[in-house]
Amino acid sequence: PTTNFEILAGKHLQLNNDDNSDNIRIHNGAGTLAGSSRLDFEDSSNNVKMSISSSGNVGIGTTTPAVKLEVLETGDANVQLDVKTNAQKDAVIGFATDDDGSNREARIGMDWGDNVFKIVHGTGFAAGKHFAVDSSGNVGIGTTIPQAQLHVSGNIKVDGSQVDFSNLPTSDPAVAGRLWNSGSYVKISAG
């Protein structure tokens, strides 16, 4: 060895717990495996549960992750990724294309205070009101407190040749601002 501790090419170091139920292996790739050095976390049957490649990619269910985080389920189970908090705080995942201050960032997650699922452009998740879905399935755009199946706080633009009003009530609902179908026209109730 040229250092105090060295894993020779094509070999590995294995660490076991007291009852050999789990292993950690450090692989040093060689020959056809050159460049495939990795850190594996295994169960007692030597099935790799998680692997970190020499390039820093993390694989769960795979030893050859092609991206920074790859999750693979080879059985018939669903794949689920949970982001949780035990405190009264938001659970958020952030996305960014760069870090030059141009605000090319977005957040997706659960807002604890408003009890809504949100998608927000920018870094301000708590104050963001871009898109929200509440616990009853109501969708809010521009609001985190949607009062109907679709609640838009702001202007709406419709590009297209048709807007379908066929399911509107056929009599005046007597509620100011509500639409109804008179048979020939769509009318707005005066209340």
N, C-alpha and C. Protein backbone atom coordinates (compact mmCIF):
# COMPACT_ATOMS: atom_id res chain seq x y z
N PRO A 1 0.83 -1.21 0.00
CA PRO A 1 0.00 0.00 0.00
C PRO A 1 0.86 1.26 0.00
N THR A 2 0.40 2.24 -0.71
CA THR A 2 1.12 3.52 -0.75
C THR A 2 0.60 4.50 0.27
N THR A 3 -0.50 4.18 0.95
CA THR A 3 -1.07 5.02 1.99
C THR A 3 -1.31 4.16 3.22
N ASN A 4 -1.77 4.78 4.31
CA ASN A 4 -2.03 4.02 5.53
C ASN A 4 -3.09 2.94 5.34
N PHE A 5 -4.06 3.21 4.49
CA PHE A 5 -5.13 2.24 4.24
C PHE A 5 -5.50 2.35 2.77
N GLU A 6 -5.48 1.24 2.07
CA GLU A 6 -5.75 1.27 0.63
C GLU A 6 -6.58 0.06 0.25
N ILE A 7 -7.59 0.29 -0.61
CA ILE A 7 -8.37 -0.81 -1.17
C ILE A 7 -7.85 -1.02 -2.58
N LEU A 8 -7.27 -2.19 -2.84
CA LEU A 8 -6.67 -2.47 -4.14
C LEU A 8 -7.74 -2.54 -5.22
N ALA A 9 -7.32 -2.27 -6.44
CA ALA A 9 -8.23 -2.28 -7.59
C ALA A 9 -8.94 -3.62 -7.69
N GLY A 10 -10.24 -3.56 -7.90
CA GLY A 10 -11.04 -4.77 -8.04
C GLY A 10 -11.44 -5.39 -6.71
N LYS A 11 -11.09 -4.78 -5.60
CA LYS A 11 -11.42 -5.31 -4.27
C LYS A 11 -12.42 -4.40 -3.58
N HIS A 12 -12.86 -4.84 -2.40
CA HIS A 12 -13.80 -4.02 -1.63
C HIS A 12 -13.54 -4.19 -0.13
N LEU A 13 -14.00 -3.23 0.62
CA LEU A 13 -13.97 -3.27 2.08
C LEU A 13 -15.41 -3.45 2.53
N GLN A 14 -15.65 -4.40 3.42
CA GLN A 14 -17.00 -4.65 3.91
C GLN A 14 -17.05 -4.44 5.41
N LEU A 15 -18.03 -3.68 5.86
CA LEU A 15 -18.28 -3.44 7.27
C LEU A 15 -19.62 -4.07 7.61
N ASN A 16 -19.66 -4.90 8.64
CA ASN A 16 -20.90 -5.56 9.06
C ASN A 16 -21.29 -5.09 10.46
N ASN A 17 -22.60 -5.13 10.75
CA ASN A 17 -23.02 -4.86 12.13
C ASN A 17 -22.90 -6.15 12.94
N ASP A 18 -23.21 -6.10 14.22
CA ASP A 18 -23.00 -7.24 15.14
C ASP A 18 -23.67 -8.53 14.68
N ASP A 19 -24.89 -8.45 14.15
CA ASP A 19 -25.60 -9.68 13.78
C ASP A 19 -25.56 -9.95 12.27
N ASN A 20 -24.69 -9.22 11.54
CA ASN A 20 -24.51 -9.40 10.09
C ASN A 20 -25.80 -9.19 9.30
N SER A 21 -26.71 -8.38 9.83
CA SER A 21 -27.98 -8.16 9.13
C SER A 21 -27.86 -7.06 8.08
N ASP A 22 -26.84 -6.24 8.17
CA ASP A 22 -26.63 -5.17 7.19
C ASP A 22 -25.14 -5.01 6.92
N ASN A 23 -24.82 -4.56 5.71
CA ASN A 23 -23.42 -4.39 5.32
C ASN A 23 -23.23 -3.02 4.69
N ILE A 24 -22.02 -2.52 4.79
CA ILE A 24 -21.60 -1.36 4.01
C ILE A 24 -20.37 -1.82 3.25
N ARG A 25 -20.36 -1.66 1.94
CA ARG A 25 -19.22 -2.06 1.13
C ARG A 25 -18.68 -0.84 0.37
N ILE A 26 -17.38 -0.73 0.36
CA ILE A 26 -16.71 0.28 -0.45
C ILE A 26 -15.99 -0.49 -1.56
N HIS A 27 -16.41 -0.26 -2.82
CA HIS A 27 -15.85 -0.97 -3.97
C HIS A 27 -14.82 -0.09 -4.66
N ASN A 28 -13.73 -0.71 -5.11
CA ASN A 28 -12.74 -0.02 -5.93
C ASN A 28 -12.73 -0.74 -7.27
N GLY A 29 -13.41 -0.16 -8.27
CA GLY A 29 -13.55 -0.80 -9.57
C GLY A 29 -12.23 -0.98 -10.28
N ALA A 30 -12.13 -2.05 -11.09
CA ALA A 30 -10.92 -2.32 -11.87
C ALA A 30 -11.32 -3.08 -13.12
N GLY A 31 -10.43 -3.13 -14.09
CA GLY A 31 -10.68 -3.86 -15.33
C GLY A 31 -11.93 -3.31 -16.01
N THR A 32 -12.90 -4.19 -16.28
CA THR A 32 -14.14 -3.74 -16.92
C THR A 32 -14.96 -2.87 -15.99
N LEU A 33 -14.66 -2.89 -14.68
CA LEU A 33 -15.38 -2.07 -13.71
C LEU A 33 -14.63 -0.79 -13.39
N ALA A 34 -13.56 -0.48 -14.12
CA ALA A 34 -12.78 0.73 -13.86
C ALA A 34 -13.69 1.95 -13.92
N GLY A 35 -13.53 2.85 -12.97
CA GLY A 35 -14.37 4.04 -12.90
C GLY A 35 -15.69 3.79 -12.21
N SER A 36 -15.89 2.56 -11.70
CA SER A 36 -17.17 2.24 -11.06
C SER A 36 -17.03 2.10 -9.55
N SER A 37 -16.04 2.75 -8.97
CA SER A 37 -15.91 2.72 -7.51
C SER A 37 -17.18 3.29 -6.90
N ARG A 38 -17.63 2.70 -5.79
CA ARG A 38 -18.88 3.16 -5.19
C ARG A 38 -18.96 2.71 -3.74
N LEU A 39 -19.88 3.31 -3.03
CA LEU A 39 -20.20 2.96 -1.65
C LEU A 39 -21.59 2.36 -1.66
N ASP A 40 -21.72 1.11 -1.20
CA ASP A 40 -23.01 0.41 -1.20
C ASP A 40 -23.48 0.14 0.22
N PHE A 41 -24.78 0.22 0.42
CA PHE A 41 -25.43 -0.17 1.66
C PHE A 41 -26.29 -1.38 1.33
N GLU A 42 -26.01 -2.51 1.99
CA GLU A 42 -26.64 -3.78 1.63
C GLU A 42 -27.39 -4.39 2.81
N ASP A 43 -28.35 -5.29 2.47
CA ASP A 43 -29.01 -6.06 3.52
C ASP A 43 -28.21 -7.34 3.78
N SER A 44 -28.72 -8.21 4.64
CA SER A 44 -27.98 -9.41 5.02
C SER A 44 -27.79 -10.39 3.88
N SER A 45 -28.56 -10.26 2.80
CA SER A 45 -28.41 -11.12 1.63
C SER A 45 -27.56 -10.48 0.55
N ASN A 46 -26.86 -9.41 0.93
CA ASN A 46 -26.00 -8.65 0.01
C ASN A 46 -26.77 -7.98 -1.12
N ASN A 47 -28.06 -7.73 -0.93
CA ASN A 47 -28.84 -6.95 -1.89
C ASN A 47 -28.55 -5.48 -1.63
N VAL A 48 -28.11 -4.78 -2.67
CA VAL A 48 -27.79 -3.37 -2.52
C VAL A 48 -29.08 -2.57 -2.40
N LYS A 49 -29.21 -1.81 -1.31
CA LYS A 49 -30.39 -0.98 -1.07
C LYS A 49 -30.14 0.47 -1.49
N MET A 50 -28.88 0.94 -1.33
CA MET A 50 -28.52 2.29 -1.74
C MET A 50 -27.06 2.29 -2.15
N SER A 51 -26.74 3.09 -3.16
CA SER A 51 -25.38 3.14 -3.66
C SER A 51 -25.01 4.58 -3.98
N ILE A 52 -23.77 4.96 -3.66
CA ILE A 52 -23.26 6.28 -4.02
C ILE A 52 -22.08 6.04 -4.95
N SER A 53 -22.19 6.53 -6.19
CA SER A 53 -21.14 6.29 -7.18
C SER A 53 -19.96 7.23 -6.96
N SER A 54 -18.85 6.94 -7.62
CA SER A 54 -17.66 7.78 -7.50
C SER A 54 -17.89 9.17 -8.09
N SER A 55 -18.91 9.33 -8.92
CA SER A 55 -19.24 10.65 -9.48
C SER A 55 -20.20 11.43 -8.57
N GLY A 56 -20.62 10.80 -7.45
CA GLY A 56 -21.50 11.48 -6.51
C GLY A 56 -22.98 11.23 -6.74
N ASN A 57 -23.35 10.42 -7.74
CA ASN A 57 -24.75 10.09 -7.96
C ASN A 57 -25.21 9.09 -6.91
N VAL A 58 -26.45 9.24 -6.46
CA VAL A 58 -27.02 8.36 -5.45
C VAL A 58 -28.11 7.50 -6.09
N GLY A 59 -28.00 6.20 -5.88
CA GLY A 59 -28.99 5.28 -6.40
C GLY A 59 -29.68 4.55 -5.26
N ILE A 60 -30.99 4.53 -5.28
CA ILE A 60 -31.77 3.73 -4.35
C ILE A 60 -32.44 2.65 -5.19
N GLY A 61 -32.04 1.41 -4.96
CA GLY A 61 -32.53 0.30 -5.78
C GLY A 61 -31.70 0.08 -7.03
N THR A 62 -30.63 0.83 -7.23
CA THR A 62 -29.75 0.65 -8.38
C THR A 62 -28.32 0.97 -7.97
N THR A 63 -27.36 0.26 -8.56
CA THR A 63 -25.94 0.54 -8.30
C THR A 63 -25.33 1.39 -9.41
N THR A 64 -26.13 1.75 -10.40
CA THR A 64 -25.62 2.55 -11.52
C THR A 64 -26.50 3.79 -11.75
N PRO A 65 -26.62 4.66 -10.75
CA PRO A 65 -27.46 5.85 -10.94
C PRO A 65 -26.87 6.76 -12.01
N ALA A 66 -27.70 7.16 -12.97
CA ALA A 66 -27.25 7.99 -14.08
C ALA A 66 -27.42 9.48 -13.81
N VAL A 67 -28.14 9.82 -12.75
CA VAL A 67 -28.39 11.22 -12.39
C VAL A 67 -28.11 11.39 -10.90
N LYS A 68 -28.20 12.61 -10.39
CA LYS A 68 -27.85 12.89 -9.00
C LYS A 68 -28.63 12.04 -8.00
N LEU A 69 -29.92 11.78 -8.26
CA LEU A 69 -30.71 10.88 -7.43
C LEU A 69 -31.60 10.05 -8.34
N GLU A 70 -31.42 8.73 -8.29
CA GLU A 70 -32.24 7.82 -9.09
C GLU A 70 -32.84 6.78 -8.16
N VAL A 71 -34.17 6.64 -8.22
CA VAL A 71 -34.88 5.67 -7.40
C VAL A 71 -35.49 4.63 -8.33
N LEU A 72 -35.18 3.36 -8.11
CA LEU A 72 -35.66 2.29 -8.98
C LEU A 72 -36.32 1.22 -8.13
N GLU A 73 -37.55 0.87 -8.47
CA GLU A 73 -38.26 -0.24 -7.83
C GLU A 73 -38.37 -1.32 -8.88
N THR A 74 -37.73 -2.46 -8.66
CA THR A 74 -37.75 -3.54 -9.66
C THR A 74 -38.90 -4.51 -9.43
N GLY A 75 -39.56 -4.43 -8.28
CA GLY A 75 -40.70 -5.30 -8.00
C GLY A 75 -41.99 -4.68 -8.48
N ASP A 76 -43.09 -5.09 -7.88
CA ASP A 76 -44.40 -4.58 -8.29
C ASP A 76 -44.94 -3.52 -7.34
N ALA A 77 -44.07 -2.95 -6.52
CA ALA A 77 -44.49 -1.92 -5.57
C ALA A 77 -44.45 -0.53 -6.20
N ASN A 78 -45.25 0.38 -5.66
CA ASN A 78 -45.21 1.78 -6.10
C ASN A 78 -43.95 2.43 -5.56
N VAL A 79 -43.45 3.44 -6.25
CA VAL A 79 -42.32 4.22 -5.77
C VAL A 79 -42.88 5.50 -5.17
N GLN A 80 -42.47 5.79 -3.95
CA GLN A 80 -42.97 6.97 -3.26
C GLN A 80 -41.81 7.67 -2.58
N LEU A 81 -41.77 8.98 -2.73
CA LEU A 81 -40.78 9.80 -2.06
C LEU A 81 -41.53 10.75 -1.14
N ASP A 82 -41.26 10.67 0.15
CA ASP A 82 -41.94 11.51 1.13
C ASP A 82 -41.00 12.58 1.64
N VAL A 83 -41.49 13.80 1.71
CA VAL A 83 -40.79 14.90 2.37
C VAL A 83 -41.67 15.28 3.54
N LYS A 84 -41.20 15.03 4.77
CA LYS A 84 -42.05 15.21 5.95
C LYS A 84 -41.35 16.08 6.98
N THR A 85 -42.15 16.67 7.85
CA THR A 85 -41.65 17.38 9.01
C THR A 85 -42.53 17.04 10.19
N ASN A 86 -41.94 16.88 11.36
CA ASN A 86 -42.72 16.61 12.57
C ASN A 86 -43.14 17.89 13.25
N ALA A 87 -42.58 19.01 12.81
CA ALA A 87 -42.92 20.31 13.39
C ALA A 87 -44.02 20.97 12.57
N GLN A 88 -44.52 22.06 13.05
CA GLN A 88 -45.54 22.80 12.32
C GLN A 88 -44.85 23.72 11.31
N LYS A 89 -44.26 23.08 10.29
CA LYS A 89 -43.49 23.78 9.26
C LYS A 89 -43.87 23.25 7.89
N ASP A 90 -43.51 24.01 6.85
CA ASP A 90 -43.76 23.58 5.48
C ASP A 90 -42.83 22.44 5.09
N ALA A 91 -43.28 21.56 4.21
CA ALA A 91 -42.46 20.50 3.62
C ALA A 91 -42.33 20.84 2.14
N VAL A 92 -41.13 21.21 1.69
CA VAL A 92 -40.94 21.83 0.38
C VAL A 92 -39.77 21.19 -0.36
N ILE A 93 -39.91 21.07 -1.68
CA ILE A 93 -38.81 20.70 -2.57
C ILE A 93 -38.57 21.90 -3.48
N GLY A 94 -37.31 22.30 -3.64
CA GLY A 94 -36.98 23.43 -4.49
C GLY A 94 -36.29 23.00 -5.77
N PHE A 95 -36.49 23.79 -6.81
CA PHE A 95 -35.87 23.55 -8.11
C PHE A 95 -35.22 24.85 -8.57
N ALA A 96 -34.02 24.77 -9.14
CA ALA A 96 -33.36 25.97 -9.64
C ALA A 96 -32.53 25.60 -10.87
N THR A 97 -32.52 26.48 -11.86
CA THR A 97 -31.71 26.24 -13.06
C THR A 97 -30.36 26.91 -12.97
N ASP A 98 -30.22 27.89 -12.10
CA ASP A 98 -28.93 28.53 -11.88
C ASP A 98 -28.97 29.28 -10.55
N ASP A 99 -27.87 29.88 -10.20
CA ASP A 99 -27.80 30.58 -8.93
C ASP A 99 -27.21 31.97 -9.14
N ASP A 100 -27.66 32.65 -10.21
CA ASP A 100 -27.09 33.97 -10.52
C ASP A 100 -28.01 35.12 -10.11
N GLY A 101 -29.02 34.83 -9.30
CA GLY A 101 -29.93 35.87 -8.84
C GLY A 101 -31.02 36.21 -9.82
N SER A 102 -31.15 35.45 -10.91
CA SER A 102 -32.17 35.76 -11.92
C SER A 102 -33.53 35.16 -11.58
N ASN A 103 -33.67 34.58 -10.39
CA ASN A 103 -34.94 34.07 -9.89
C ASN A 103 -35.53 32.98 -10.77
N ARG A 104 -34.68 32.12 -11.30
CA ARG A 104 -35.14 30.96 -12.07
C ARG A 104 -35.30 29.79 -11.10
N GLU A 105 -36.20 29.97 -10.16
CA GLU A 105 -36.40 28.97 -9.13
C GLU A 105 -37.89 28.73 -8.93
N ALA A 106 -38.20 27.57 -8.42
CA ALA A 106 -39.59 27.21 -8.11
C ALA A 106 -39.60 26.32 -6.89
N ARG A 107 -40.72 26.28 -6.22
CA ARG A 107 -40.92 25.44 -5.04
C ARG A 107 -42.22 24.68 -5.19
N ILE A 108 -42.23 23.47 -4.69
CA ILE A 108 -43.43 22.65 -4.68
C ILE A 108 -43.50 21.98 -3.31
N GLY A 109 -44.67 22.00 -2.69
CA GLY A 109 -44.75 21.37 -1.38
C GLY A 109 -46.05 21.64 -0.66
N MET A 110 -46.04 21.27 0.61
CA MET A 110 -47.20 21.41 1.47
C MET A 110 -47.00 22.60 2.39
N ASP A 111 -47.92 23.57 2.32
CA ASP A 111 -47.87 24.76 3.17
C ASP A 111 -48.63 24.44 4.45
N TRP A 112 -47.91 24.35 5.55
CA TRP A 112 -48.54 23.98 6.83
C TRP A 112 -49.55 25.04 7.27
N GLY A 113 -49.20 26.32 7.17
CA GLY A 113 -50.06 27.39 7.68
C GLY A 113 -51.40 27.47 6.97
N ASP A 114 -51.40 27.32 5.63
CA ASP A 114 -52.64 27.39 4.86
C ASP A 114 -53.26 26.02 4.60
N ASN A 115 -52.55 24.93 4.97
CA ASN A 115 -53.00 23.57 4.74
C ASN A 115 -53.36 23.32 3.28
N VAL A 116 -52.44 23.74 2.38
CA VAL A 116 -52.64 23.54 0.95
C VAL A 116 -51.34 23.04 0.32
N PHE A 117 -51.49 22.30 -0.77
CA PHE A 117 -50.38 21.92 -1.63
C PHE A 117 -50.15 23.08 -2.58
N LYS A 118 -48.89 23.53 -2.74
CA LYS A 118 -48.63 24.71 -3.56
C LYS A 118 -47.50 24.49 -4.55
N ILE A 119 -47.60 25.21 -5.66
CA ILE A 119 -46.51 25.35 -6.62
C ILE A 119 -46.26 26.84 -6.73
N VAL A 120 -45.00 27.25 -6.48
CA VAL A 120 -44.67 28.67 -6.43
C VAL A 120 -43.44 28.92 -7.28
N HIS A 121 -43.48 29.96 -8.10
CA HIS A 121 -42.31 30.39 -8.86
C HIS A 121 -41.54 31.38 -7.99
N GLY A 122 -40.24 31.16 -7.84
CA GLY A 122 -39.41 32.03 -7.01
C GLY A 122 -39.05 31.34 -5.71
N THR A 123 -38.44 32.09 -4.81
CA THR A 123 -37.93 31.51 -3.57
C THR A 123 -38.87 31.66 -2.39
N GLY A 124 -39.86 32.53 -2.48
CA GLY A 124 -40.75 32.80 -1.34
C GLY A 124 -41.91 31.84 -1.27
N PHE A 125 -41.71 30.68 -0.68
CA PHE A 125 -42.76 29.66 -0.66
C PHE A 125 -43.95 30.08 0.21
N ALA A 126 -43.70 30.55 1.41
CA ALA A 126 -44.79 30.86 2.35
C ALA A 126 -45.74 31.91 1.82
N ALA A 127 -45.21 32.96 1.18
CA ALA A 127 -46.05 34.06 0.70
C ALA A 127 -46.58 33.81 -0.71
N GLY A 128 -46.08 32.78 -1.40
CA GLY A 128 -46.47 32.52 -2.79
C GLY A 128 -47.92 32.10 -2.93
N LYS A 129 -48.57 32.63 -3.96
CA LYS A 129 -49.98 32.30 -4.20
C LYS A 129 -50.20 31.92 -5.66
N HIS A 130 -49.21 31.29 -6.28
CA HIS A 130 -49.31 30.99 -7.70
C HIS A 130 -50.33 29.89 -8.01
N PHE A 131 -50.24 28.76 -7.28
CA PHE A 131 -51.13 27.62 -7.54
C PHE A 131 -51.25 26.84 -6.26
N ALA A 132 -52.48 26.57 -5.84
CA ALA A 132 -52.70 25.83 -4.59
C ALA A 132 -53.86 24.87 -4.75
N VAL A 133 -53.75 23.72 -4.07
CA VAL A 133 -54.83 22.74 -4.02
C VAL A 133 -55.10 22.48 -2.54
N ASP A 134 -56.36 22.72 -2.10
CA ASP A 134 -56.67 22.51 -0.69
C ASP A 134 -57.08 21.06 -0.43
N SER A 135 -57.37 20.74 0.82
CA SER A 135 -57.65 19.36 1.21
C SER A 135 -58.93 18.80 0.59
N SER A 136 -59.83 19.64 0.10
CA SER A 136 -61.05 19.14 -0.55
C SER A 136 -60.90 19.08 -2.07
N GLY A 137 -59.72 19.42 -2.58
CA GLY A 137 -59.47 19.35 -4.02
C GLY A 137 -59.72 20.64 -4.76
N ASN A 138 -60.15 21.70 -4.06
CA ASN A 138 -60.35 22.99 -4.72
C ASN A 138 -59.00 23.54 -5.16
N VAL A 139 -58.97 24.15 -6.34
CA VAL A 139 -57.75 24.69 -6.93
C VAL A 139 -57.81 26.21 -6.88
N GLY A 140 -56.73 26.80 -6.40
CA GLY A 140 -56.64 28.26 -6.37
C GLY A 140 -55.48 28.74 -7.22
N ILE A 141 -55.74 29.71 -8.06
CA ILE A 141 -54.69 30.38 -8.83
C ILE A 141 -54.70 31.83 -8.39
N GLY A 142 -53.60 32.26 -7.79
CA GLY A 142 -53.54 33.61 -7.23
C GLY A 142 -54.11 33.69 -5.83
N THR A 143 -54.52 32.57 -5.27
CA THR A 143 -55.04 32.52 -3.90
C THR A 143 -54.68 31.18 -3.28
N THR A 144 -54.44 31.16 -1.98
CA THR A 144 -54.19 29.90 -1.28
C THR A 144 -55.43 29.43 -0.52
N ILE A 145 -56.54 30.15 -0.67
CA ILE A 145 -57.79 29.79 0.00
C ILE A 145 -58.90 29.69 -1.04
N PRO A 146 -58.84 28.69 -1.94
CA PRO A 146 -59.86 28.57 -2.98
C PRO A 146 -61.23 28.27 -2.39
N GLN A 147 -62.24 29.01 -2.87
CA GLN A 147 -63.60 28.87 -2.36
C GLN A 147 -64.51 28.05 -3.27
N ALA A 148 -63.95 27.51 -4.36
CA ALA A 148 -64.71 26.70 -5.31
C ALA A 148 -63.75 25.71 -5.97
N GLN A 149 -64.28 24.83 -6.83
CA GLN A 149 -63.41 23.86 -7.49
C GLN A 149 -62.28 24.54 -8.24
N LEU A 150 -62.56 25.70 -8.84
CA LEU A 150 -61.52 26.54 -9.44
C LEU A 150 -61.78 27.97 -9.01
N HIS A 151 -60.81 28.56 -8.33
CA HIS A 151 -60.92 29.93 -7.84
C HIS A 151 -59.71 30.69 -8.36
N VAL A 152 -59.96 31.67 -9.22
CA VAL A 152 -58.90 32.48 -9.79
C VAL A 152 -59.01 33.88 -9.21
N SER A 153 -57.92 34.33 -8.60
CA SER A 153 -57.87 35.70 -8.09
C SER A 153 -57.01 36.50 -9.06
N GLY A 154 -57.66 37.18 -9.98
CA GLY A 154 -56.97 37.92 -11.03
C GLY A 154 -57.71 37.78 -12.33
N ASN A 155 -57.12 38.27 -13.38
CA ASN A 155 -57.75 38.22 -14.71
C ASN A 155 -57.58 36.85 -15.33
N ILE A 156 -58.53 36.50 -16.18
CA ILE A 156 -58.49 35.23 -16.91
C ILE A 156 -58.48 35.54 -18.39
N LYS A 157 -57.61 34.85 -19.13
CA LYS A 157 -57.58 35.00 -20.58
C LYS A 157 -57.86 33.63 -21.18
N VAL A 158 -58.78 33.57 -22.11
CA VAL A 158 -59.13 32.32 -22.78
C VAL A 158 -58.81 32.49 -24.26
N ASP A 159 -57.89 31.69 -24.77
CA ASP A 159 -57.60 31.65 -26.20
C ASP A 159 -58.20 30.37 -26.73
N GLY A 160 -59.08 30.50 -27.68
CA GLY A 160 -59.73 29.32 -28.24
C GLY A 160 -61.02 29.73 -28.92
N SER A 161 -61.60 28.78 -29.60
CA SER A 161 -62.80 29.10 -30.37
C SER A 161 -64.08 28.77 -29.61
N GLN A 162 -63.98 28.16 -28.42
CA GLN A 162 -65.20 27.75 -27.74
C GLN A 162 -65.00 27.72 -26.24
N VAL A 163 -65.97 28.23 -25.53
CA VAL A 163 -66.07 28.06 -24.09
C VAL A 163 -67.41 27.40 -23.84
N ASP A 164 -67.42 26.26 -23.17
CA ASP A 164 -68.63 25.47 -23.00
C ASP A 164 -69.37 25.89 -21.73
N PHE A 165 -70.59 26.41 -21.93
CA PHE A 165 -71.45 26.79 -20.82
C PHE A 165 -72.68 25.88 -20.74
N SER A 166 -72.59 24.67 -21.31
CA SER A 166 -73.77 23.81 -21.42
C SER A 166 -74.30 23.33 -20.07
N ASN A 167 -73.50 23.34 -19.04
CA ASN A 167 -73.97 22.84 -17.74
C ASN A 167 -74.40 23.95 -16.79
N LEU A 168 -74.58 25.16 -17.32
CA LEU A 168 -75.06 26.25 -16.48
C LEU A 168 -76.53 26.04 -16.12
N PRO A 169 -76.96 26.60 -15.01
CA PRO A 169 -78.40 26.51 -14.69
C PRO A 169 -79.22 27.19 -15.78
N THR A 170 -80.42 26.69 -15.99
CA THR A 170 -81.29 27.24 -17.04
C THR A 170 -82.27 28.27 -16.49
N SER A 171 -82.16 28.58 -15.23
CA SER A 171 -82.98 29.65 -14.66
C SER A 171 -82.06 30.56 -13.84
N ASP A 172 -82.48 31.78 -13.67
CA ASP A 172 -81.70 32.78 -12.96
C ASP A 172 -81.47 32.31 -11.51
N PRO A 173 -80.21 32.15 -11.09
CA PRO A 173 -79.94 31.69 -9.73
C PRO A 173 -80.18 32.76 -8.67
N ALA A 174 -80.47 33.98 -9.10
CA ALA A 174 -80.75 35.11 -8.20
C ALA A 174 -79.59 35.39 -7.24
N VAL A 175 -78.38 35.15 -7.72
CA VAL A 175 -77.16 35.48 -6.96
C VAL A 175 -76.33 36.38 -7.85
N ALA A 176 -76.05 37.58 -7.39
CA ALA A 176 -75.34 38.57 -8.20
C ALA A 176 -74.03 38.02 -8.74
N GLY A 177 -73.83 38.18 -10.04
CA GLY A 177 -72.59 37.78 -10.69
C GLY A 177 -72.57 36.36 -11.21
N ARG A 178 -73.57 35.53 -10.88
CA ARG A 178 -73.61 34.14 -11.34
C ARG A 178 -74.12 34.06 -12.77
N LEU A 179 -73.52 33.17 -13.55
CA LEU A 179 -73.94 32.96 -14.93
C LEU A 179 -75.09 31.96 -14.99
N TRP A 180 -75.94 32.14 -16.00
CA TRP A 180 -76.99 31.17 -16.25
C TRP A 180 -77.33 31.18 -17.74
N ASN A 181 -77.90 30.07 -18.23
CA ASN A 181 -78.19 29.89 -19.64
C ASN A 181 -79.68 30.10 -19.86
N SER A 182 -80.02 31.18 -20.59
CA SER A 182 -81.43 31.49 -20.85
C SER A 182 -81.98 30.71 -22.02
N GLY A 183 -81.17 29.89 -22.65
CA GLY A 183 -81.60 29.13 -23.83
C GLY A 183 -80.97 29.71 -25.09
N SER A 184 -80.95 31.02 -25.20
CA SER A 184 -80.35 31.68 -26.35
C SER A 184 -79.05 32.38 -25.99
N TYR A 185 -78.93 32.78 -24.73
CA TYR A 185 -77.79 33.57 -24.30
C TYR A 185 -77.30 33.11 -22.94
N VAL A 186 -76.03 33.42 -22.66
CA VAL A 186 -75.51 33.28 -21.31
C VAL A 186 -75.69 34.62 -20.65
N LYS A 187 -76.36 34.64 -19.51
CA LYS A 187 -76.64 35.89 -18.83
C LYS A 187 -75.97 35.92 -17.45
N ILE A 188 -75.79 37.11 -16.93
CA ILE A 188 -75.24 37.30 -15.60
C ILE A 188 -76.37 37.76 -14.69
N SER A 189 -76.55 37.03 -13.61
CA SER A 189 -77.62 37.35 -12.68
C SER A 189 -77.34 38.65 -11.95
N ALA A 190 -78.39 39.45 -11.79
CA ALA A 190 -78.28 40.71 -11.04
C ALA A 190 -78.47 40.46 -9.55
N GLY A 191 -78.93 39.30 -9.19
CA GLY A 191 -79.10 38.98 -7.77
C GLY A 191 -80.53 39.03 -7.34
